[in-house]
Amino acid sequence: MYENVLEFITKRRSIRQFTGEPIERERLDALLKAAMAAPSANNKRPWHFVVVTEKEKIVALCKAHPYAGFGVDAGAVIIPFGEKEGYEWFDQDMAAATENLLLAVANLGLGATWCGMDEAKQGSIRSLVGLPNDQYAFALVPIGVPSEEKALRTQYDKERIHWEHY
């Protein structure tokens, strides 16, 4: 039983090479359902998602982010976003939704890498997808059919576990 849980989670690896094949709408819907199953403080659910499947826009988005150039062959890009101002748990809620998305990606036979966002990256990404300035793009996630394979992996380190006290 424990092995099944670990296998589900350890399938999630950062994949940066894609075949360029499109991703079916049903798979994308499943990914978004998984993302929105995440926990959220006070059930605020600050998340919204821009899903980009147009090839030219995928390329533009991936080139606009300094660490997402690998994603030009992705079949889709998902941008989790929301109104960050005034919500102290925004980052935690969005991280939970993004991790759920990544776990679903891996378990649907797809690959992805989470490319983080900061204030400096907001402008170009916002303009490409029409986000208003009061919306914060939390991440840029190129998703595709993998053209690379990585072994399951845990980074378990018993030296980082402290039972009962430090």
N, C-alpha and C. Protein backbone atom coordinates (compact mmCIF):
# COMPACT_ATOMS: atom_id res chain seq x y z
N MET A 1 0.81 -1.19 0.00
CA MET A 1 0.00 0.00 0.00
C MET A 1 0.86 1.26 0.00
N TYR A 2 1.87 1.32 0.88
CA TYR A 2 2.72 2.50 0.94
C TYR A 2 3.47 2.70 -0.36
N GLU A 3 3.84 1.59 -1.00
CA GLU A 3 4.58 1.67 -2.26
C GLU A 3 3.75 2.36 -3.34
N ASN A 4 2.44 2.11 -3.36
CA ASN A 4 1.58 2.76 -4.35
C ASN A 4 1.56 4.26 -4.18
N VAL A 5 1.50 4.71 -2.95
CA VAL A 5 1.50 6.15 -2.69
C VAL A 5 2.83 6.75 -3.11
N LEU A 6 3.92 6.10 -2.73
CA LEU A 6 5.24 6.62 -3.10
C LEU A 6 5.45 6.61 -4.61
N GLU A 7 4.95 5.58 -5.27
CA GLU A 7 5.10 5.53 -6.73
C GLU A 7 4.34 6.69 -7.37
N PHE A 8 3.14 6.96 -6.90
CA PHE A 8 2.33 8.07 -7.43
C PHE A 8 3.09 9.39 -7.29
N ILE A 9 3.68 9.60 -6.13
CA ILE A 9 4.37 10.87 -5.88
C ILE A 9 5.72 10.93 -6.57
N THR A 10 6.48 9.84 -6.55
CA THR A 10 7.84 9.89 -7.11
C THR A 10 7.87 9.87 -8.63
N LYS A 11 6.74 9.68 -9.28
CA LYS A 11 6.68 9.84 -10.74
C LYS A 11 6.91 11.28 -11.15
N ARG A 12 6.61 12.21 -10.23
CA ARG A 12 6.77 13.62 -10.53
C ARG A 12 8.25 13.97 -10.61
N ARG A 13 8.67 14.27 -11.81
CA ARG A 13 10.05 14.70 -12.08
C ARG A 13 9.98 15.92 -12.97
N SER A 14 11.02 16.74 -12.94
CA SER A 14 11.07 17.91 -13.82
C SER A 14 11.45 17.44 -15.22
N ILE A 15 10.51 17.54 -16.13
CA ILE A 15 10.71 17.12 -17.53
C ILE A 15 10.85 18.38 -18.38
N ARG A 16 11.92 18.42 -19.17
CA ARG A 16 12.21 19.61 -19.97
C ARG A 16 12.37 19.31 -21.46
N GLN A 17 12.00 18.09 -21.86
CA GLN A 17 12.08 17.74 -23.28
C GLN A 17 10.75 17.13 -23.69
N PHE A 18 10.18 17.70 -24.74
CA PHE A 18 8.84 17.30 -25.18
C PHE A 18 8.84 16.96 -26.67
N THR A 19 7.86 16.16 -27.06
CA THR A 19 7.74 15.74 -28.47
C THR A 19 7.10 16.81 -29.35
N GLY A 20 6.39 17.75 -28.76
CA GLY A 20 5.67 18.75 -29.53
C GLY A 20 4.23 18.37 -29.83
N GLU A 21 3.82 17.17 -29.43
CA GLU A 21 2.44 16.73 -29.66
C GLU A 21 1.47 17.58 -28.83
N PRO A 22 0.28 17.83 -29.37
CA PRO A 22 -0.73 18.54 -28.58
C PRO A 22 -1.25 17.66 -27.45
N ILE A 23 -1.86 18.29 -26.48
CA ILE A 23 -2.44 17.57 -25.34
C ILE A 23 -3.96 17.68 -25.43
N GLU A 24 -4.62 16.55 -25.30
CA GLU A 24 -6.07 16.50 -25.42
C GLU A 24 -6.74 17.35 -24.34
N ARG A 25 -7.85 17.96 -24.70
CA ARG A 25 -8.61 18.81 -23.78
C ARG A 25 -9.03 18.03 -22.53
N GLU A 26 -9.38 16.76 -22.67
CA GLU A 26 -9.80 15.95 -21.52
C GLU A 26 -8.67 15.81 -20.51
N ARG A 27 -7.45 15.63 -20.99
CA ARG A 27 -6.30 15.54 -20.08
C ARG A 27 -6.07 16.88 -19.38
N LEU A 28 -6.18 17.96 -20.13
CA LEU A 28 -6.00 19.28 -19.53
C LEU A 28 -7.06 19.54 -18.47
N ASP A 29 -8.31 19.15 -18.76
CA ASP A 29 -9.38 19.30 -17.77
C ASP A 29 -9.07 18.49 -16.51
N ALA A 30 -8.55 17.28 -16.67
CA ALA A 30 -8.21 16.44 -15.52
C ALA A 30 -7.11 17.11 -14.69
N LEU A 31 -6.13 17.71 -15.35
CA LEU A 31 -5.06 18.41 -14.64
C LEU A 31 -5.62 19.56 -13.81
N LEU A 32 -6.55 20.30 -14.39
CA LEU A 32 -7.12 21.45 -13.69
C LEU A 32 -8.01 21.00 -12.53
N LYS A 33 -8.70 19.89 -12.70
CA LYS A 33 -9.50 19.35 -11.59
C LYS A 33 -8.58 18.95 -10.44
N ALA A 34 -7.44 18.34 -10.76
CA ALA A 34 -6.49 17.96 -9.73
C ALA A 34 -5.93 19.20 -9.02
N ALA A 35 -5.59 20.21 -9.80
CA ALA A 35 -5.05 21.45 -9.21
C ALA A 35 -6.06 22.05 -8.23
N MET A 36 -7.32 22.08 -8.63
CA MET A 36 -8.34 22.71 -7.80
C MET A 36 -8.83 21.83 -6.65
N ALA A 37 -8.27 20.63 -6.53
CA ALA A 37 -8.55 19.78 -5.37
C ALA A 37 -7.61 20.08 -4.22
N ALA A 38 -6.73 21.05 -4.40
CA ALA A 38 -5.74 21.40 -3.39
C ALA A 38 -6.39 22.03 -2.17
N PRO A 39 -5.73 21.92 -1.03
CA PRO A 39 -6.23 22.61 0.15
C PRO A 39 -6.04 24.12 0.00
N SER A 40 -6.85 24.87 0.71
CA SER A 40 -6.78 26.33 0.65
C SER A 40 -7.21 26.90 2.00
N ALA A 41 -6.44 27.84 2.51
CA ALA A 41 -6.77 28.45 3.80
C ALA A 41 -8.16 29.08 3.74
N ASN A 42 -8.99 28.72 4.71
CA ASN A 42 -10.37 29.24 4.78
C ASN A 42 -11.16 29.00 3.49
N ASN A 43 -10.75 28.01 2.73
CA ASN A 43 -11.38 27.67 1.46
C ASN A 43 -11.47 28.88 0.51
N LYS A 44 -10.47 29.75 0.58
CA LYS A 44 -10.44 30.96 -0.23
C LYS A 44 -10.29 30.63 -1.73
N ARG A 45 -9.55 29.58 -2.03
CA ARG A 45 -9.31 29.14 -3.42
C ARG A 45 -8.97 30.33 -4.34
N PRO A 46 -7.80 30.94 -4.15
CA PRO A 46 -7.46 32.14 -4.92
C PRO A 46 -7.10 31.86 -6.37
N TRP A 47 -7.04 30.60 -6.73
CA TRP A 47 -6.49 30.23 -8.03
C TRP A 47 -7.45 30.41 -9.20
N HIS A 48 -6.85 30.81 -10.28
CA HIS A 48 -7.42 30.81 -11.63
C HIS A 48 -6.30 30.25 -12.50
N PHE A 49 -6.62 29.84 -13.71
CA PHE A 49 -5.61 29.25 -14.58
C PHE A 49 -5.82 29.73 -16.02
N VAL A 50 -4.74 30.15 -16.64
CA VAL A 50 -4.75 30.40 -18.08
C VAL A 50 -4.15 29.16 -18.71
N VAL A 51 -4.86 28.57 -19.65
CA VAL A 51 -4.36 27.40 -20.38
C VAL A 51 -4.09 27.82 -21.81
N VAL A 52 -2.86 27.65 -22.23
CA VAL A 52 -2.45 28.05 -23.58
C VAL A 52 -2.09 26.80 -24.37
N THR A 53 -2.76 26.64 -25.52
CA THR A 53 -2.45 25.50 -26.40
C THR A 53 -2.04 25.95 -27.81
N GLU A 54 -2.15 27.22 -28.10
CA GLU A 54 -1.73 27.74 -29.41
C GLU A 54 -0.21 27.75 -29.47
N LYS A 55 0.33 27.08 -30.46
CA LYS A 55 1.78 26.87 -30.55
C LYS A 55 2.57 28.17 -30.52
N GLU A 56 2.14 29.18 -31.25
CA GLU A 56 2.89 30.44 -31.30
C GLU A 56 2.93 31.11 -29.93
N LYS A 57 1.82 31.01 -29.20
CA LYS A 57 1.76 31.63 -27.88
C LYS A 57 2.59 30.82 -26.87
N ILE A 58 2.60 29.50 -27.01
CA ILE A 58 3.45 28.67 -26.15
C ILE A 58 4.91 29.10 -26.32
N VAL A 59 5.34 29.23 -27.55
CA VAL A 59 6.72 29.62 -27.84
C VAL A 59 7.00 31.01 -27.26
N ALA A 60 6.10 31.95 -27.46
CA ALA A 60 6.30 33.31 -26.95
C ALA A 60 6.39 33.32 -25.43
N LEU A 61 5.51 32.59 -24.76
CA LEU A 61 5.53 32.54 -23.30
C LEU A 61 6.83 31.93 -22.79
N CYS A 62 7.24 30.83 -23.39
CA CYS A 62 8.44 30.15 -22.92
C CYS A 62 9.70 30.97 -23.19
N LYS A 63 9.70 31.73 -24.25
CA LYS A 63 10.84 32.60 -24.53
C LYS A 63 10.82 33.85 -23.65
N ALA A 64 9.65 34.25 -23.16
CA ALA A 64 9.54 35.44 -22.32
C ALA A 64 10.02 35.18 -20.90
N HIS A 65 10.04 33.93 -20.48
CA HIS A 65 10.50 33.57 -19.13
C HIS A 65 11.95 33.11 -19.24
N PRO A 66 12.86 33.67 -18.44
CA PRO A 66 14.28 33.36 -18.61
C PRO A 66 14.66 31.89 -18.37
N TYR A 67 13.79 31.11 -17.71
CA TYR A 67 14.13 29.71 -17.42
C TYR A 67 13.19 28.71 -18.09
N ALA A 68 12.34 29.18 -18.99
CA ALA A 68 11.36 28.29 -19.61
C ALA A 68 11.61 28.04 -21.09
N GLY A 69 12.74 28.43 -21.60
CA GLY A 69 13.03 28.24 -23.02
C GLY A 69 12.91 26.80 -23.48
N PHE A 70 13.14 25.86 -22.57
CA PHE A 70 13.01 24.44 -22.90
C PHE A 70 11.59 24.09 -23.32
N GLY A 71 10.60 24.89 -22.95
CA GLY A 71 9.20 24.56 -23.15
C GLY A 71 8.63 24.87 -24.52
N VAL A 72 9.45 25.33 -25.45
CA VAL A 72 8.91 25.70 -26.76
C VAL A 72 8.26 24.52 -27.48
N ASP A 73 8.62 23.30 -27.12
CA ASP A 73 8.00 22.12 -27.73
C ASP A 73 6.89 21.52 -26.88
N ALA A 74 6.47 22.23 -25.85
CA ALA A 74 5.38 21.75 -25.00
C ALA A 74 4.07 21.74 -25.77
N GLY A 75 3.15 20.92 -25.32
CA GLY A 75 1.82 20.87 -25.92
C GLY A 75 0.86 21.87 -25.31
N ALA A 76 1.24 22.40 -24.15
CA ALA A 76 0.40 23.40 -23.46
C ALA A 76 1.26 24.11 -22.43
N VAL A 77 0.81 25.28 -22.04
CA VAL A 77 1.37 25.99 -20.90
C VAL A 77 0.19 26.35 -20.01
N ILE A 78 0.35 26.07 -18.73
CA ILE A 78 -0.67 26.49 -17.76
C ILE A 78 -0.04 27.51 -16.83
N ILE A 79 -0.76 28.61 -16.63
CA ILE A 79 -0.31 29.67 -15.74
C ILE A 79 -1.31 29.79 -14.60
N PRO A 80 -0.95 29.30 -13.41
CA PRO A 80 -1.79 29.53 -12.24
C PRO A 80 -1.64 31.00 -11.84
N PHE A 81 -2.75 31.67 -11.59
CA PHE A 81 -2.68 33.08 -11.23
C PHE A 81 -3.83 33.43 -10.29
N GLY A 82 -3.75 34.60 -9.70
CA GLY A 82 -4.82 35.06 -8.83
C GLY A 82 -4.51 36.42 -8.26
N GLU A 83 -5.41 36.88 -7.43
CA GLU A 83 -5.24 38.18 -6.79
C GLU A 83 -4.47 37.98 -5.48
N LYS A 84 -3.21 38.38 -5.50
CA LYS A 84 -2.31 38.15 -4.38
C LYS A 84 -2.47 39.23 -3.30
N GLU A 85 -2.70 40.44 -3.71
CA GLU A 85 -2.77 41.57 -2.79
C GLU A 85 -3.81 41.35 -1.70
N GLY A 86 -3.36 41.46 -0.45
CA GLY A 86 -4.27 41.36 0.68
C GLY A 86 -4.60 39.95 1.14
N TYR A 87 -4.03 38.93 0.52
CA TYR A 87 -4.31 37.55 0.94
C TYR A 87 -3.00 36.92 1.39
N GLU A 88 -2.82 36.78 2.70
CA GLU A 88 -1.54 36.35 3.23
C GLU A 88 -1.18 34.90 2.91
N TRP A 89 -2.14 34.07 2.56
CA TRP A 89 -1.87 32.66 2.29
C TRP A 89 -1.83 32.36 0.79
N PHE A 90 -1.74 33.38 -0.03
CA PHE A 90 -1.72 33.22 -1.49
C PHE A 90 -0.65 32.23 -1.93
N ASP A 91 0.60 32.45 -1.51
CA ASP A 91 1.69 31.60 -1.97
C ASP A 91 1.50 30.14 -1.58
N GLN A 92 1.04 29.90 -0.35
CA GLN A 92 0.83 28.53 0.09
C GLN A 92 -0.29 27.86 -0.70
N ASP A 93 -1.40 28.55 -0.87
CA ASP A 93 -2.51 27.98 -1.63
C ASP A 93 -2.12 27.70 -3.08
N MET A 94 -1.42 28.64 -3.68
CA MET A 94 -1.04 28.46 -5.08
C MET A 94 0.00 27.36 -5.24
N ALA A 95 0.91 27.24 -4.28
CA ALA A 95 1.90 26.17 -4.34
C ALA A 95 1.23 24.80 -4.23
N ALA A 96 0.23 24.69 -3.34
CA ALA A 96 -0.48 23.42 -3.20
C ALA A 96 -1.19 23.06 -4.51
N ALA A 97 -1.85 24.02 -5.13
CA ALA A 97 -2.55 23.76 -6.39
C ALA A 97 -1.56 23.38 -7.50
N THR A 98 -0.42 24.06 -7.53
CA THR A 98 0.58 23.79 -8.56
C THR A 98 1.19 22.41 -8.37
N GLU A 99 1.45 22.02 -7.13
CA GLU A 99 1.99 20.68 -6.89
C GLU A 99 0.97 19.60 -7.26
N ASN A 100 -0.30 19.82 -6.93
CA ASN A 100 -1.34 18.87 -7.37
C ASN A 100 -1.33 18.74 -8.89
N LEU A 101 -1.21 19.86 -9.58
CA LEU A 101 -1.14 19.86 -11.04
C LEU A 101 0.03 19.00 -11.51
N LEU A 102 1.20 19.20 -10.91
CA LEU A 102 2.39 18.47 -11.33
C LEU A 102 2.28 16.97 -11.05
N LEU A 103 1.67 16.61 -9.93
CA LEU A 103 1.46 15.18 -9.64
C LEU A 103 0.52 14.56 -10.66
N ALA A 104 -0.52 15.28 -11.02
CA ALA A 104 -1.46 14.78 -12.04
C ALA A 104 -0.78 14.66 -13.39
N VAL A 105 0.03 15.64 -13.75
CA VAL A 105 0.78 15.60 -15.02
C VAL A 105 1.54 14.29 -15.12
N ALA A 106 2.33 14.00 -14.10
CA ALA A 106 3.18 12.80 -14.13
C ALA A 106 2.36 11.53 -14.21
N ASN A 107 1.24 11.49 -13.51
CA ASN A 107 0.44 10.27 -13.45
C ASN A 107 -0.50 10.12 -14.64
N LEU A 108 -0.56 11.13 -15.50
CA LEU A 108 -1.28 11.00 -16.77
C LEU A 108 -0.31 10.77 -17.93
N GLY A 109 0.94 10.46 -17.61
CA GLY A 109 1.93 10.15 -18.64
C GLY A 109 2.50 11.36 -19.34
N LEU A 110 2.34 12.53 -18.75
CA LEU A 110 2.87 13.76 -19.33
C LEU A 110 4.08 14.21 -18.52
N GLY A 111 4.71 15.28 -18.96
CA GLY A 111 5.84 15.85 -18.24
C GLY A 111 5.67 17.34 -18.11
N ALA A 112 6.31 17.92 -17.11
CA ALA A 112 6.23 19.37 -16.88
C ALA A 112 7.35 19.81 -15.97
N THR A 113 7.58 21.09 -15.95
CA THR A 113 8.46 21.72 -14.98
C THR A 113 7.82 23.01 -14.52
N TRP A 114 7.86 23.26 -13.25
CA TRP A 114 7.32 24.46 -12.63
C TRP A 114 8.36 25.56 -12.76
N CYS A 115 8.06 26.61 -13.47
CA CYS A 115 8.95 27.76 -13.61
C CYS A 115 8.39 28.88 -12.75
N GLY A 116 9.10 29.23 -11.71
CA GLY A 116 8.63 30.23 -10.77
C GLY A 116 8.56 31.63 -11.36
N MET A 117 7.75 32.43 -10.72
CA MET A 117 7.56 33.81 -11.17
C MET A 117 7.91 34.75 -10.02
N ASP A 118 8.38 35.92 -10.37
CA ASP A 118 8.56 36.99 -9.41
C ASP A 118 8.05 38.27 -10.07
N GLU A 119 8.16 39.36 -9.39
CA GLU A 119 7.62 40.61 -9.91
C GLU A 119 8.25 41.01 -11.24
N ALA A 120 9.55 40.75 -11.40
CA ALA A 120 10.25 41.14 -12.62
C ALA A 120 9.73 40.41 -13.86
N LYS A 121 9.20 39.22 -13.71
CA LYS A 121 8.74 38.42 -14.85
C LYS A 121 7.27 38.67 -15.19
N GLN A 122 6.56 39.37 -14.33
CA GLN A 122 5.12 39.53 -14.49
C GLN A 122 4.72 40.24 -15.79
N GLY A 123 5.38 41.34 -16.10
CA GLY A 123 4.95 42.19 -17.22
C GLY A 123 4.81 41.48 -18.54
N SER A 124 5.85 40.78 -18.96
CA SER A 124 5.80 40.13 -20.27
C SER A 124 4.79 38.99 -20.30
N ILE A 125 4.70 38.25 -19.21
CA ILE A 125 3.75 37.13 -19.16
C ILE A 125 2.33 37.66 -19.15
N ARG A 126 2.08 38.67 -18.32
CA ARG A 126 0.73 39.28 -18.26
C ARG A 126 0.29 39.77 -19.63
N SER A 127 1.17 40.46 -20.33
CA SER A 127 0.77 41.03 -21.62
C SER A 127 0.47 39.95 -22.65
N LEU A 128 1.19 38.84 -22.61
CA LEU A 128 0.97 37.77 -23.59
C LEU A 128 -0.37 37.06 -23.40
N VAL A 129 -0.88 37.02 -22.15
CA VAL A 129 -2.14 36.31 -21.91
C VAL A 129 -3.26 37.24 -21.44
N GLY A 130 -3.00 38.53 -21.42
CA GLY A 130 -4.05 39.50 -21.10
C GLY A 130 -4.43 39.60 -19.64
N LEU A 131 -3.50 39.26 -18.74
CA LEU A 131 -3.79 39.38 -17.31
C LEU A 131 -3.72 40.84 -16.89
N PRO A 132 -4.71 41.31 -16.16
CA PRO A 132 -4.63 42.69 -15.64
C PRO A 132 -3.57 42.78 -14.53
N ASN A 133 -3.14 43.98 -14.24
CA ASN A 133 -2.07 44.19 -13.27
C ASN A 133 -2.41 43.75 -11.85
N ASP A 134 -3.68 43.62 -11.50
CA ASP A 134 -4.02 43.19 -10.15
C ASP A 134 -4.01 41.66 -10.00
N GLN A 135 -3.68 40.97 -11.08
CA GLN A 135 -3.57 39.50 -11.05
C GLN A 135 -2.10 39.11 -11.10
N TYR A 136 -1.71 38.18 -10.24
CA TYR A 136 -0.32 37.76 -10.12
C TYR A 136 -0.15 36.38 -10.73
N ALA A 137 0.70 36.28 -11.74
CA ALA A 137 1.03 34.99 -12.34
C ALA A 137 1.98 34.27 -11.38
N PHE A 138 1.51 33.19 -10.78
CA PHE A 138 2.28 32.48 -9.76
C PHE A 138 3.39 31.61 -10.37
N ALA A 139 3.11 31.00 -11.51
CA ALA A 139 4.07 30.10 -12.14
C ALA A 139 3.76 30.01 -13.63
N LEU A 140 4.72 29.53 -14.37
CA LEU A 140 4.53 29.19 -15.77
C LEU A 140 4.91 27.72 -15.87
N VAL A 141 3.97 26.89 -16.33
CA VAL A 141 4.19 25.44 -16.31
C VAL A 141 4.04 24.88 -17.74
N PRO A 142 5.16 24.72 -18.47
CA PRO A 142 5.10 24.03 -19.76
C PRO A 142 4.81 22.55 -19.52
N ILE A 143 3.85 22.02 -20.27
CA ILE A 143 3.42 20.63 -20.12
C ILE A 143 3.44 19.97 -21.48
N GLY A 144 3.94 18.75 -21.55
CA GLY A 144 3.96 18.08 -22.83
C GLY A 144 4.12 16.58 -22.72
N VAL A 145 4.06 15.96 -23.89
CA VAL A 145 4.38 14.54 -23.99
C VAL A 145 5.90 14.45 -23.89
N PRO A 146 6.42 13.73 -22.89
CA PRO A 146 7.86 13.72 -22.67
C PRO A 146 8.62 13.02 -23.80
N SER A 147 9.77 13.59 -24.13
CA SER A 147 10.69 12.89 -25.03
C SER A 147 11.94 12.49 -24.27
N GLU A 148 11.85 12.58 -22.96
CA GLU A 148 12.91 12.07 -22.08
C GLU A 148 12.24 11.25 -20.99
N GLU A 149 12.98 10.33 -20.43
CA GLU A 149 12.44 9.50 -19.37
C GLU A 149 13.36 9.58 -18.17
N LYS A 150 12.77 9.76 -17.01
CA LYS A 150 13.54 9.81 -15.78
C LYS A 150 13.00 8.77 -14.82
N ALA A 151 13.91 8.17 -14.09
CA ALA A 151 13.52 7.14 -13.12
C ALA A 151 12.76 7.77 -11.96
N LEU A 152 11.92 6.96 -11.33
CA LEU A 152 11.25 7.41 -10.11
C LEU A 152 12.32 7.77 -9.10
N ARG A 153 11.99 8.80 -8.29
CA ARG A 153 13.01 9.22 -7.34
C ARG A 153 12.37 9.84 -6.11
N THR A 154 12.92 9.48 -4.98
CA THR A 154 12.63 10.20 -3.75
C THR A 154 13.95 10.81 -3.30
N GLN A 155 13.88 11.90 -2.62
CA GLN A 155 15.09 12.51 -2.09
C GLN A 155 15.11 12.38 -0.57
N TYR A 156 14.57 11.25 -0.13
CA TYR A 156 14.50 10.95 1.29
C TYR A 156 15.89 10.99 1.90
N ASP A 157 16.03 11.69 3.01
CA ASP A 157 17.29 11.81 3.72
C ASP A 157 17.00 11.74 5.21
N LYS A 158 17.29 10.59 5.82
CA LYS A 158 16.95 10.41 7.23
C LYS A 158 17.67 11.39 8.13
N GLU A 159 18.75 12.01 7.67
CA GLU A 159 19.46 13.01 8.47
C GLU A 159 18.65 14.30 8.62
N ARG A 160 17.62 14.48 7.81
CA ARG A 160 16.78 15.68 7.87
C ARG A 160 15.51 15.47 8.69
N ILE A 161 15.41 14.31 9.31
CA ILE A 161 14.22 13.99 10.10
C ILE A 161 14.60 14.06 11.57
N HIS A 162 13.77 14.76 12.33
CA HIS A 162 14.02 14.95 13.76
C HIS A 162 12.78 14.50 14.50
N TRP A 163 12.85 13.37 15.16
CA TRP A 163 11.71 12.81 15.88
C TRP A 163 11.60 13.48 17.24
N GLU A 164 10.43 14.00 17.52
CA GLU A 164 10.04 14.59 18.81
C GLU A 164 10.70 15.92 19.12
N HIS A 165 11.93 16.17 18.72
CA HIS A 165 12.60 17.47 18.93
C HIS A 165 13.79 17.57 18.00
N TYR A 166 14.36 18.77 17.91
CA TYR A 166 15.52 18.98 17.05
C TYR A 166 16.74 18.43 17.74
